[in-house]
PDB file of N, CA and C in Angstrom:
ATOM      1  N   LYS A   1      91.943 101.407  85.966  1.00  0.00           N
ATOM      2  CA  LYS A   1      90.869 103.124  86.899  1.00  0.00           C
ATOM      3  C   LYS A   1      89.852 103.463  85.596  1.00  0.00           C
ATOM      4  N   ASP A   2      90.570 103.135  84.195  1.00  0.00           N
ATOM      5  CA  ASP A   2      89.395 103.605  83.165  1.00  0.00           C
ATOM      6  C   ASP A   2      88.634 102.500  82.192  1.00  0.00           C
ATOM      7  N   GLY A   3      89.271 101.405  82.507  1.00  0.00           N
ATOM      8  CA  GLY A   3      88.799  99.951  81.694  1.00  0.00           C
ATOM      9  C   GLY A   3      89.467  99.881  80.670  1.00  0.00           C
ATOM     10  N   MET A   4      90.958 100.572  80.400  1.00  0.00           N
ATOM     11  CA  MET A   4      91.743 100.429  79.158  1.00  0.00           C
ATOM     12  C   MET A   4      93.130  99.557  80.234  1.00  0.00           C
ATOM     13  N   LEU A   5      94.261  99.134  79.455  1.00  0.00           N
ATOM     14  CA  LEU A   5      94.817  98.422  79.684  1.00  0.00           C
ATOM     15  C   LEU A   5      96.594  99.519  80.317  1.00  0.00           C
ATOM     16  N   HIS A   6      96.869  99.793  81.218  1.00  0.00           N
ATOM     17  CA  HIS A   6      97.567 100.715  81.719  1.00  0.00           C
ATOM     18  C   HIS A   6      99.622  99.725  82.180  1.00  0.00           C
ATOM     19  N   GLU A   7     100.066 100.121  81.922  1.00  0.00           N
ATOM     20  CA  GLU A   7     101.419  99.804  82.166  1.00  0.00           C
ATOM     21  C   GLU A   7     102.355 100.772  82.394  1.00  0.00           C
ATOM     22  N   ILE A   8     103.362 100.455  83.523  1.00  0.00           N
ATOM     23  CA  ILE A   8     103.931 101.280  84.035  1.00  0.00           C
ATOM     24  C   ILE A   8     105.544 101.378  83.069  1.00  0.00           C
ATOM     25  N   LEU A   9     106.115 102.824  83.013  1.00  0.00           N
ATOM     26  CA  LEU A   9     106.726 102.355  82.195  1.00  0.00           C
ATOM     27  C   LEU A   9     107.685 103.272  83.205  1.00  0.00           C
ATOM     28  N   MET A  10     109.306 102.668  83.746  1.00  0.00           N
ATOM     29  CA  MET A  10     110.240 103.419  84.900  1.00  0.00           C
ATOM     30  C   MET A  10     111.451 104.075  83.805  1.00  0.00           C
ATOM     31  N   ILE A  11     111.592 105.128  83.598  1.00  0.00           N
ATOM     32  CA  ILE A  11     112.826 105.651  82.462  1.00  0.00           C
ATOM     33  C   ILE A  11     113.558 106.758  83.830  1.00  0.00           C
ATOM     34  N   ASP A  12     114.833 106.938  83.064  1.00  0.00           N
ATOM     35  CA  ASP A  12     115.613 107.815  83.864  1.00  0.00           C
ATOM     36  C   ASP A  12     115.027 109.650  83.700  1.00  0.00           C
ATOM     37  N   PRO A  13     115.634 110.114  84.944  1.00  0.00           N
ATOM     38  CA  PRO A  13     114.874 111.432  84.913  1.00  0.00           C
ATOM     39  C   PRO A  13     115.556 112.094  83.461  1.00  0.00           C
ATOM     40  N   LEU A  14     116.891 111.676  82.945  1.00  0.00           N
ATOM     41  CA  LEU A  14     117.754 112.447  82.081  1.00  0.00           C
ATOM     42  C   LEU A  14     116.658 112.326  80.850  1.00  0.00           C
ATOM     43  N   LEU A  15     116.396 111.298  80.842  1.00  0.00           N
ATOM     44  CA  LEU A  15     115.407 110.484  79.239  1.00  0.00           C
ATOM     45  C   LEU A  15     114.187 111.425  79.217  1.00  0.00           C
ATOM     46  N   ALA A  16     113.924 111.589  80.226  1.00  0.00           N
ATOM     47  CA  ALA A  16     112.670 112.376  80.562  1.00  0.00           C
ATOM     48  C   ALA A  16     113.081 114.090  80.080  1.00  0.00           C
ATOM     49  N   ILE A  17     113.916 114.484  80.372  1.00  0.00           N
ATOM     50  CA  ILE A  17     114.178 115.846  80.226  1.00  0.00           C
ATOM     51  C   ILE A  17     114.835 116.390  78.712  1.00  0.00           C
ATOM     52  N   VAL A  18     115.687 115.068  78.283  1.00  0.00           N
ATOM     53  CA  VAL A  18     116.230 115.459  76.779  1.00  0.00           C
ATOM     54  C   VAL A  18     115.120 114.830  76.015  1.00  0.00           C
ATOM     55  N   GLY A  19     114.033 113.837  76.319  1.00  0.00           N
ATOM     56  CA  GLY A  19     113.692 112.815  75.185  1.00  0.00           C
ATOM     57  C   GLY A  19     114.212 111.974  74.499  1.00  0.00           C
ATOM     58  N   GLY A  20     114.045 110.793  73.770  1.00  0.00           N
ATOM     59  CA  GLY A  20     114.254 110.227  73.094  1.00  0.00           C
ATOM     60  C   GLY A  20     113.303 108.956  72.863  1.00  0.00           C
ATOM     61  N   THR A  21     114.218 107.727  72.662  1.00  0.00           N
ATOM     62  CA  THR A  21     113.527 106.701  72.385  1.00  0.00           C
ATOM     63  C   THR A  21     113.561 105.766  73.685  1.00  0.00           C
ATOM     64  N   THR A  22     112.944 104.795  73.975  1.00  0.00           N
ATOM     65  CA  THR A  22     112.907 103.704  74.311  1.00  0.00           C
ATOM     66  C   THR A  22     112.331 102.486  74.445  1.00  0.00           C
ATOM     67  N   ASN A  23     112.351 100.996  74.780  1.00  0.00           N
ATOM     68  CA  ASN A  23     111.705 100.210  74.675  1.00  0.00           C
ATOM     69  C   ASN A  23     110.368  99.727  75.464  1.00  0.00           C
ATOM     70  N   LEU A  24     109.792  99.025  74.880  1.00  0.00           N
ATOM     71  CA  LEU A  24     108.403  98.848  76.100  1.00  0.00           C
ATOM     72  C   LEU A  24     107.613  97.524  75.690  1.00  0.00           C
ATOM     73  N   LEU A  25     107.505  96.452  76.479  1.00  0.00           N
ATOM     74  CA  LEU A  25     106.909  95.370  76.140  1.00  0.00           C
ATOM     75  C   LEU A  25     105.431  95.786  76.546  1.00  0.00           C
ATOM     76  N   THR A  26     104.723  95.423  75.151  1.00  0.00           N
ATOM     77  CA  THR A  26     103.325  95.516  74.931  1.00  0.00           C
ATOM     78  C   THR A  26     102.689  94.210  74.823  1.00  0.00           C
ATOM     79  N   PRO A  27     101.174  93.985  74.744  1.00  0.00           N
ATOM     80  CA  PRO A  27     100.798  92.715  74.565  1.00  0.00           C
ATOM     81  C   PRO A  27     101.022  92.595  72.865  1.00  0.00           C
ATOM     82  N   GLN A  28     101.568  93.289  72.398  1.00  0.00           N
ATOM     83  CA  GLN A  28     101.831  92.942  70.689  1.00  0.00           C
ATOM     84  C   GLN A  28     103.367  92.612  70.407  1.00  0.00           C
ATOM     85  N   GLY A  29     104.263  92.362  71.590  1.00  0.00           N
ATOM     86  CA  GLY A  29     105.499  92.917  71.567  1.00  0.00           C
ATOM     87  C   GLY A  29     106.555  93.693  71.727  1.00  0.00           C
ATOM     88  N   ASN A  30     107.718  93.650  71.919  1.00  0.00           N
ATOM     89  CA  ASN A  30     108.305  95.010  72.187  1.00  0.00           C
ATOM     90  C   ASN A  30     107.983  96.183  71.176  1.00  0.00           C
ATOM     91  N   LYS A  31     107.857  97.373  71.761  1.00  0.00           N
ATOM     92  CA  LYS A  31     107.829  98.638  70.918  1.00  0.00           C
ATOM     93  C   LYS A  31     108.718  99.311  71.131  1.00  0.00           C
ATOM     94  N   ASP A  32     109.177 100.478  70.056  1.00  0.00           N
ATOM     95  CA  ASP A  32     109.938 101.371  70.613  1.00  0.00           C
ATOM     96  C   ASP A  32     108.732 102.571  70.670  1.00  0.00           C
ATOM     97  N   ILE A  33     108.995 103.362  71.658  1.00  0.00           N
ATOM     98  CA  ILE A  33     108.011 104.767  72.281  1.00  0.00           C
ATOM     99  C   ILE A  33     108.859 105.661  72.146  1.00  0.00           C
ATOM    100  N   GLU A  34     108.256 106.776  71.578  1.00  0.00           N
ATOM    101  CA  GLU A  34     108.880 108.463  71.834  1.00  0.00           C
ATOM    102  C   GLU A  34     108.947 109.169  73.024  1.00  0.00           C
ATOM    103  N   ILE A  35     109.755 109.340  73.691  1.00  0.00           N
ATOM    104  CA  ILE A  35     109.539 110.045  75.098  1.00  0.00           C
ATOM    105  C   ILE A  35     109.965 111.331  74.776  1.00  0.00           C
ATOM    106  N   LYS A  36     109.006 112.152  74.742  1.00  0.00           N
ATOM    107  CA  LYS A  36     109.066 113.923  74.459  1.00  0.00           C
ATOM    108  C   LYS A  36     109.755 114.478  75.421  1.00  0.00           C
ATOM    109  N   ALA A  37     110.830 115.422  74.613  1.00  0.00           N
ATOM    110  CA  ALA A  37     111.417 116.152  76.263  1.00  0.00           C
ATOM    111  C   ALA A  37     110.719 116.986  77.073  1.00  0.00           C
ATOM    112  N   GLY A  38     110.930 116.768  78.217  1.00  0.00           N
ATOM    113  CA  GLY A  38     110.108 117.556  79.269  1.00  0.00           C
ATOM    114  C   GLY A  38     108.991 116.746  79.894  1.00  0.00           C
ATOM    115  N   THR A  39     109.073 115.326  79.451  1.00  0.00           N
ATOM    116  CA  THR A  39     107.969 114.800  79.919  1.00  0.00           C
ATOM    117  C   THR A  39     108.275 114.595  81.893  1.00  0.00           C
ATOM    118  N   ALA A  40     106.675 114.617  82.058  1.00  0.00           N
ATOM    119  CA  ALA A  40     106.677 114.851  83.377  1.00  0.00           C
ATOM    120  C   ALA A  40     106.493 113.462  83.980  1.00  0.00           C
ATOM    121  N   ASP A  41     106.822 113.393  85.536  1.00  0.00           N
ATOM    122  CA  ASP A  41     106.899 112.152  86.036  1.00  0.00           C
ATOM    123  C   ASP A  41     105.376 112.187  86.709  1.00  0.00           C
ATOM    124  N   GLY A  42     104.737 110.871  86.350  1.00  0.00           N
ATOM    125  CA  GLY A  42     103.425 110.486  86.514  1.00  0.00           C
ATOM    126  C   GLY A  42     102.272 111.005  84.980  1.00  0.00           C
ATOM    127  N   SER A  43     103.007 111.467  83.985  1.00  0.00           N
ATOM    128  CA  SER A  43     102.625 111.780  82.986  1.00  0.00           C
ATOM    129  C   SER A  43     101.662 110.242  82.505  1.00  0.00           C
ATOM    130  N   GLU A  44     100.818 110.227  81.164  1.00  0.00           N
ATOM    131  CA  GLU A  44     100.825 109.182  80.499  1.00  0.00           C
ATOM    132  C   GLU A  44     100.599 109.157  79.016  1.00  0.00           C
ATOM    133  N   ILE A  45     101.024 108.107  78.471  1.00  0.00           N
ATOM    134  CA  ILE A  45     101.304 108.315  76.922  1.00  0.00           C
ATOM    135  C   ILE A  45     100.461 107.362  76.268  1.00  0.00           C
ATOM    136  N   HIS A  46      99.316 107.929  75.702  1.00  0.00           N
ATOM    137  CA  HIS A  46      98.637 107.147  74.552  1.00  0.00           C
ATOM    138  C   HIS A  46      99.192 106.288  73.566  1.00  0.00           C
ATOM    139  N   LEU A  47      98.899 105.020  73.713  1.00  0.00           N
ATOM    140  CA  LEU A  47      99.470 104.013  71.925  1.00  0.00           C
ATOM    141  C   LEU A  47      98.381 103.675  71.893  1.00  0.00           C
ATOM    142  N   PRO A  48      97.994 104.266  70.446  1.00  0.00           N
ATOM    143  CA  PRO A  48      96.896 103.390  69.891  1.00  0.00           C
ATOM    144  C   PRO A  48      96.541 102.329  69.210  1.00  0.00           C
ATOM    145  N   ASN A  49      95.613 101.375  69.932  1.00  0.00           N
ATOM    146  CA  ASN A  49      95.424 100.101  69.239  1.00  0.00           C
ATOM    147  C   ASN A  49      97.132  99.185  69.707  1.00  0.00           C
ATOM    148  N   LEU A  50      97.401  99.061  70.617  1.00  0.00           N
ATOM    149  CA  LEU A  50      98.339  98.297  71.595  1.00  0.00           C
ATOM    150  C   LEU A  50      97.469  97.740  72.440  1.00  0.00           C
ATOM    151  N   GLY A  51      96.898  97.881  72.929  1.00  0.00           N
ATOM    152  CA  GLY A  51      95.928  97.485  73.909  1.00  0.00           C
ATOM    153  C   GLY A  51      95.447  96.061  73.812  1.00  0.00           C
ATOM    154  N   LEU A  52      94.439  95.861  74.803  1.00  0.00           N
ATOM    155  CA  LEU A  52      93.436  94.678  74.780  1.00  0.00           C
ATOM    156  C   LEU A  52      92.471  94.742  73.776  1.00  0.00           C
ATOM    157  N   LEU A  53      92.325  93.259  73.156  1.00  0.00           N
ATOM    158  CA  LEU A  53      91.160  93.010  72.046  1.00  0.00           C
ATOM    159  C   LEU A  53      89.938  93.982  72.629  1.00  0.00           C
ATOM    160  N   LYS A  54      89.101  94.839  72.012  1.00  0.00           N
ATOM    161  CA  LYS A  54      87.882  95.041  72.394  1.00  0.00           C
ATOM    162  C   LYS A  54      86.810  93.904  72.524  1.00  0.00           C
ATOM    163  N   ARG A  55      85.461  94.590  73.366  1.00  0.00           N
ATOM    164  CA  ARG A  55      84.863  93.165  73.601  1.00  0.00           C
ATOM    165  C   ARG A  55      83.782  93.406  72.348  1.00  0.00           C
ATOM    166  N   ALA A  56      83.579  92.603  71.726  1.00  0.00           N
ATOM    167  CA  ALA A  56      82.293  93.138  70.505  1.00  0.00           C
ATOM    168  C   ALA A  56      81.058  92.860  71.069  1.00  0.00           C
ATOM    169  N   LYS A  57      80.065  93.608  70.774  1.00  0.00           N
ATOM    170  CA  LYS A  57      78.942  94.266  71.505  1.00  0.00           C
ATOM    171  C   LYS A  57      77.828  93.846  70.304  1.00  0.00           C
ATOM    172  N   ARG A  58      76.518  93.252  70.745  1.00  0.00           N
ATOM    173  CA  ARG A  58      75.730  93.324  69.400  1.00  0.00           C
ATOM    174  C   ARG A  58      75.562  94.580  68.839  1.00  0.00           C
ATOM    175  N   GLU A  59      75.294  95.574  69.674  1.00  0.00           N
ATOM    176  CA  GLU A  59      74.758  97.115  68.859  1.00  0.00           C
ATOM    177  C   GLU A  59      76.063  97.583  68.415  1.00  0.00           C
ATOM    178  N   SER A  60      77.328  97.195  68.584  1.00  0.00           N
ATOM    179  CA  SER A  60      78.489  97.737  68.555  1.00  0.00           C
ATOM    180  C   SER A  60      79.157  97.674  66.943  1.00  0.00           C
ATOM    181  N   THR A  61      80.230  98.517  66.454  1.00  0.00           N
ATOM    182  CA  THR A  61      81.153  98.006  65.277  1.00  0.00           C
ATOM    183  C   THR A  61      81.891  97.777  65.770  1.00  0.00           C
ATOM    184  N   SER A  62      82.401  97.398  66.694  1.00  0.00           N
ATOM    185  CA  SER A  62      83.824  96.878  66.676  1.00  0.00           C
ATOM    186  C   SER A  62      84.045  95.546  66.171  1.00  0.00           C
ATOM    187  N   LYS A  63      85.331  95.680  65.333  1.00  0.00           N
ATOM    188  CA  LYS A  63      85.624  93.914  65.183  1.00  0.00           C
ATOM    189  C   LYS A  63      86.390  93.456  66.384  1.00  0.00           C
ATOM    190  N   PRO A  64      86.271  92.220  65.837  1.00  0.00           N
ATOM    191  CA  PRO A  64      87.094  91.424  67.227  1.00  0.00           C
ATOM    192  C   PRO A  64      88.474  92.005  67.284  1.00  0.00           C
ATOM    193  N   THR A  65      89.012  92.154  65.827  1.00  0.00           N
ATOM    194  CA  THR A  65      90.420  92.393  65.462  1.00  0.00           C
ATOM    195  C   THR A  65      90.505  93.485  66.436  1.00  0.00           C
ATOM    196  N   GLU A  66      89.683  94.555  66.604  1.00  0.00           N
ATOM    197  CA  GLU A  66      90.125  95.880  67.286  1.00  0.00           C
ATOM    198  C   GLU A  66      90.665  96.368  68.394  1.00  0.00           C
ATOM    199  N   ARG A  67      91.550  96.689  68.788  1.00  0.00           N
ATOM    200  CA  ARG A  67      92.322  97.377  70.023  1.00  0.00           C
ATOM    201  C   ARG A  67      92.068  98.570  70.734  1.00  0.00           C
ATOM    202  N   ASP A  68      92.153  98.251  72.422  1.00  0.00           N
ATOM    203  CA  ASP A  68      91.932 100.009  72.791  1.00  0.00           C
ATOM    204  C   ASP A  68      93.547 100.301  72.868  1.00  0.00           C
ATOM    205  N   ASP A  69      93.419 101.373  73.290  1.00  0.00           N
ATOM    206  CA  ASP A  69      95.115 101.764  73.255  1.00  0.00           C
ATOM    207  C   ASP A  69      95.452 101.247  74.524  1.00  0.00           C
ATOM    208  N   LEU A  70      96.946 101.446  74.377  1.00  0.00           N
ATOM    209  CA  LEU A  70      97.630 100.984  75.817  1.00  0.00           C
ATOM    210  C   LEU A  70      97.911 102.659  76.599  1.00  0.00           C
ATOM    211  N   ILE A  71      97.692 102.404  77.913  1.00  0.00           N
ATOM    212  CA  ILE A  71      97.984 104.007  78.495  1.00  0.00           C
ATOM    213  C   ILE A  71      99.594 103.262  78.930  1.00  0.00           C
ATOM    214  N   VAL A  72     100.105 103.897  79.008  1.00  0.00           N
ATOM    215  CA  VAL A  72     101.838 103.675  79.817  1.00  0.00           C
ATOM    216  C   VAL A  72     101.903 105.291  80.676  1.00  0.00           C
ATOM    217  N   ASP A  73     101.768 104.519  81.584  1.00  0.00           N
ATOM    218  CA  ASP A  73     102.061 105.400  83.047  1.00  0.00           C
ATOM    219  C   ASP A  73     103.297 105.788  83.247  1.00  0.00           C
ATOM    220  N   ILE A  74     104.174 106.923  83.101  1.00  0.00           N
ATOM    221  CA  ILE A  74     105.601 107.165  83.081  1.00  0.00           C
ATOM    222  C   ILE A  74     105.743 107.467  84.615  1.00  0.00           C
ATOM    223  N   ILE A  75     106.651 106.879  85.592  1.00  0.00           N
ATOM    224  CA  ILE A  75     107.249 107.339  86.761  1.00  0.00           C
ATOM    225  C   ILE A  75     108.906 107.129  86.044  1.00  0.00           C
ATOM    226  N   TYR A  76     109.152 107.864  87.118  1.00  0.00           N
ATOM    227  CA  TYR A  76     110.595 108.207  86.918  1.00  0.00           C
ATOM    228  C   TYR A  76     111.759 107.502  88.122  1.00  0.00           C
ATOM    229  N   SER A  77     112.580 106.825  87.262  1.00  0.00           N
ATOM    230  CA  SER A  77     113.822 105.723  88.308  1.00  0.00           C
ATOM    231  C   SER A  77     114.545 106.484  89.079  1.00  0.00           C
ATOM    232  N   ALA A  78     115.032 105.909  90.191  1.00  0.00           N
ATOM    233  CA  ALA A  78     115.822 106.663  91.040  1.00  0.00           C
ATOM    234  C   ALA A  78     117.159 105.718  90.608  1.00  0.00           C
ATOM    235  N   PRO A  79     117.904 106.523  89.948  1.00  0.00           N
ATOM    236  CA  PRO A  79     119.445 106.566  89.266  1.00  0.00           C
ATOM    237  C   PRO A  79     120.381 105.637  90.815  1.00  0.00           C
ATOM    238  N   THR A  80     121.003 104.948  90.848  1.00  0.00           N
ATOM    239  CA  THR A  80     121.767 104.681  91.899  1.00  0.00           C
ATOM    240  C   THR A  80     123.253 105.094  91.509  1.00  0.00           C
ATOM    241  N   HIS A  81     123.406 105.357  90.429  1.00  0.00           N
ATOM    242  CA  HIS A  81     124.614 105.478  90.209  1.00  0.00           C
ATOM    243  C   HIS A  81     125.224 106.358  88.684  1.00  0.00           C
ATOM    244  N   TYR A  82     126.264 107.368  88.817  1.00  0.00           N
ATOM    245  CA  TYR A  82     126.361 108.142  87.772  1.00  0.00           C
ATOM    246  C   TYR A  82     127.574 108.218  87.846  1.00  0.00           C
ATOM    247  N   SER A  83     128.402 108.241  86.686  1.00  0.00           N
ATOM    248  CA  SER A  83     129.716 108.266  86.779  1.00  0.00           C
ATOM    249  C   SER A  83     130.428 109.793  87.227  1.00  0.00           C
ATOM    250  N   ASP A  84     131.841 109.799  88.101  1.00  0.00           N
ATOM    251  CA  ASP A  84     132.145 111.742  88.014  1.00  0.00           C
ATOM    252  C   ASP A  84     131.790 112.624  87.062  1.00  0.00           C
ATOM    253  N   ASP A  85     132.091 112.105  85.684  1.00  0.00           N
ATOM    254  CA  ASP A  85     132.216 112.660  84.979  1.00  0.00           C
ATOM    255  C   ASP A  85     130.594 113.634  84.599  1.00  0.00           C
ATOM    256  N   VAL A  86     129.709 112.477  84.743  1.00  0.00           N
ATOM    257  CA  VAL A  86     128.329 112.643  84.389  1.00  0.00           C
ATOM    258  C   VAL A  86     127.869 113.432  85.564  1.00  0.00           C
ATOM    259  N   LYS A  87     128.325 113.191  86.663  1.00  0.00           N
ATOM    260  CA  LYS A  87     127.851 113.898  87.944  1.00  0.00           C
ATOM    261  C   LYS A  87     128.447 115.538  87.929  1.00  0.00           C
ATOM    262  N   ARG A  88     129.756 115.574  87.628  1.00  0.00           N
ATOM    263  CA  ARG A  88     130.043 117.163  86.987  1.00  0.00           C
ATOM    264  C   ARG A  88     129.017 117.773  86.289  1.00  0.00           C
ATOM    265  N   GLU A  89     128.788 117.370  84.888  1.00  0.00           N
ATOM    266  CA  GLU A  89     128.322 117.546  83.755  1.00  0.00           C
ATOM    267  C   GLU A  89     126.629 117.891  84.596  1.00  0.00           C
ATOM    268  N   LEU A  90     126.065 117.307  85.558  1.00  0.00           N
ATOM    269  CA  LEU A  90     124.770 117.909  85.955  1.00  0.00           C
ATOM    270  C   LEU A  90     124.758 118.472  86.662  1.00  0.00           C
ATOM    271  N   SER A  91     126.214 118.924  87.721  1.00  0.00           N
ATOM    272  CA  SER A  91     126.324 119.899  88.693  1.00  0.00           C
ATOM    273  C   SER A  91     126.274 121.256  87.923  1.00  0.00           C
ATOM    274  N   LYS A  92     126.685 121.256  86.559  1.00  0.00           N
ATOM    275  CA  LYS A  92     126.822 122.710  85.856  1.00  0.00           C
ATOM    276  C   LYS A  92     125.410 122.931  85.205  1.00  0.00           C
ATOM    277  N   ILE A  93     124.782 121.929  85.153  1.00  0.00           N
ATOM    278  CA  ILE A  93     123.438 121.828  84.511  1.00  0.00           C
ATOM    279  C   ILE A  93     122.420 122.509  85.579  1.00  0.00           C
ATOM    280  N   TYR A  94     122.850 121.970  86.836  1.00  0.00           N
ATOM    281  CA  TYR A  94     121.860 122.275  87.824  1.00  0.00           C
ATOM    282  C   TYR A  94     122.182 123.758  88.529  1.00  0.00           C
ATOM    283  N   ALA A  95     123.804 124.116  88.634  1.00  0.00           N
ATOM    284  CA  ALA A  95     123.779 125.352  88.625  1.00  0.00           C
ATOM    285  C   ALA A  95     123.654 126.244  87.457  1.00  0.00           C
ATOM    286  N   HIS A  96     123.294 126.315  86.460  1.00  0.00           N
ATOM    287  CA  HIS A  96     122.894 127.027  85.200  1.00  0.00           C
ATOM    288  C   HIS A  96     121.125 127.505  85.460  1.00  0.00           C
ATOM    289  N   ASN A  97     120.540 126.077  86.257  1.00  0.00           N
ATOM    290  CA  ASN A  97     119.151 126.201  86.347  1.00  0.00           C
ATOM    291  C   ASN A  97     118.971 127.338  87.188  1.00  0.00           C
ATOM    292  N   LEU A  98     119.800 127.443  88.275  1.00  0.00           N
ATOM    293  CA  LEU A  98     119.375 128.186  89.461  1.00  0.00           C
ATOM    294  C   LEU A  98     119.281 129.590  89.527  1.00  0.00           C
ATOM    295  N   ASN A  99     119.702 129.671  88.211  1.00  0.00           N
ATOM    296  CA  ASN A  99     119.446 131.442  87.729  1.00  0.00           C
ATOM    297  C   ASN A  99     118.200 131.649  86.276  1.00  0.00           C
ATOM    298  N   ASN A 100     117.534 130.157  86.084  1.00  0.00           N
ATOM    299  CA  ASN A 100     116.666 130.439  84.884  1.00  0.00           C
ATOM    300  C   ASN A 100     115.881 131.166  85.445  1.00  0.00           C
ATOM    301  N   ASP A 101     115.159 132.063  84.334  1.00  0.00           N
ATOM    302  CA  ASP A 101     114.123 133.357  84.738  1.00  0.00           C
ATOM    303  C   ASP A 101     112.984 132.326  85.141  1.00  0.00           C
ATOM    304  N   GLU A 102     112.908 131.226  83.914  1.00  0.00           N
ATOM    305  CA  GLU A 102     110.975 130.625  84.073  1.00  0.00           C
ATOM    306  C   GLU A 102     111.506 130.356  85.630  1.00  0.00           C
ATOM    307  N   LEU A 103     112.413 129.239  86.078  1.00  0.00           N
ATOM    308  CA  LEU A 103     112.292 128.735  87.634  1.00  0.00           C
ATOM    309  C   LEU A 103     111.932 130.119  88.605  1.00  0.00           C
ATOM    310  N   THR A 104     112.644 131.379  88.367  1.00  0.00           N
ATOM    311  CA  THR A 104     112.376 132.250  89.308  1.00  0.00           C
ATOM    312  C   THR A 104     111.093 133.029  89.265  1.00  0.00           C
ATOM    313  N   ALA A 105     110.614 133.166  87.961  1.00  0.00           N
ATOM    314  CA  ALA A 105     109.234 133.492  88.170  1.00  0.00           C
ATOM    315  C   ALA A 105     107.964 132.502  88.331  1.00  0.00           C
ATOM    316  N   TYR A 106     108.309 131.091  88.519  1.00  0.00           N
ATOM    317  CA  TYR A 106     107.063 130.512  88.859  1.00  0.00           C
ATOM    318  C   TYR A 106     107.512 130.387  90.559  1.00  0.00           C
ATOM    319  N   SER A 107     108.487 129.887  90.947  1.00  0.00           N
ATOM    320  CA  SER A 107     109.023 130.510  92.211  1.00  0.00           C
ATOM    321  C   SER A 107     108.217 131.803  93.142  1.00  0.00           C
ATOM    322  N   ILE A 108     108.443 132.823  92.266  1.00  0.00           N
ATOM    323  CA  ILE A 108     107.719 134.145  92.699  1.00  0.00           C
ATOM    324  C   ILE A 108     106.049 133.747  92.992  1.00  0.00           C
ATOM    325  N   GLU A 109     105.731 133.011  91.795  1.00  0.00           N
ATOM    326  CA  GLU A 109     104.118 132.868  92.136  1.00  0.00           C
ATOM    327  C   GLU A 109     103.723 131.997  92.924  1.00  0.00           C
ATOM    328  N   VAL A 110     104.455 130.886  92.787  1.00  0.00           N
ATOM    329  CA  VAL A 110     104.102 129.844  93.940  1.00  0.00           C
ATOM    330  C   VAL A 110     104.063 130.334  95.377  1.00  0.00           C
ATOM    331  N   ASN A 111     105.001 131.436  95.746  1.00  0.00           N
ATOM    332  CA  ASN A 111     105.314 131.942  97.184  1.00  0.00           C
ATOM    333  C   ASN A 111     103.868 132.751  97.025  1.00  0.00           C
ATOM    334  N   LYS A 112     103.856 133.444  95.954  1.00  0.00           N
ATOM    335  CA  LYS A 112     102.535 134.780  96.456  1.00  0.00           C
ATOM    336  C   LYS A 112     101.452 134.117  96.889  1.00  0.00           C
ATOM    337  N   GLU A 113     100.969 132.605  96.193  1.00  0.00           N
ATOM    338  CA  GLU A 113     100.005 131.951  96.317  1.00  0.00           C
ATOM    339  C   GLU A 113      99.960 131.334  97.820  1.00  0.00           C
ATOM    340  N   VAL A 114     101.253 131.132  98.272  1.00  0.00           N
ATOM    341  CA  VAL A 114     100.950 130.408  99.716  1.00  0.00           C
ATOM    342  C   VAL A 114     100.989 131.225 100.737  1.00  0.00           C
ATOM    343  N   ASN A 115     101.642 132.333 100.442  1.00  0.00           N
ATOM    344  CA  ASN A 115     101.057 133.629 101.378  1.00  0.00           C
ATOM    345  C   ASN A 115      99.891 134.300 101.350  1.00  0.00           C
ATOM    346  N   GLU A 116      99.062 134.010 100.561  1.00  0.00           N
ATOM    347  CA  GLU A 116      98.085 134.882 100.606  1.00  0.00           C
ATOM    348  C   GLU A 116      96.858 134.609 101.739  1.00  0.00           C
TER     349      GLU A 116
END
């Protein structure tokens, strides 16, 4: 879409929430990449110099060994199984978030905009 190499990385929503490291196959081999806590579904991560070789132009200062960035498009996977213990813990977190002031304030603002 923008001339750069894009790669789709499907991650568990829990990794997106808490953050951590995951492995990605790039044109230069496997690389560990950091997923920041709160990474949104559909977001992009730019990995400098891990894309394709830049095309050398006569007027360009690009060397044949310079590479573009690799753009990693994050999408959430749809987990099909969590253990009962994990489900119980997630239920506790969900119940706690129902009383989250930030979520409540956001919901109120969205409702105001919709009803205007």
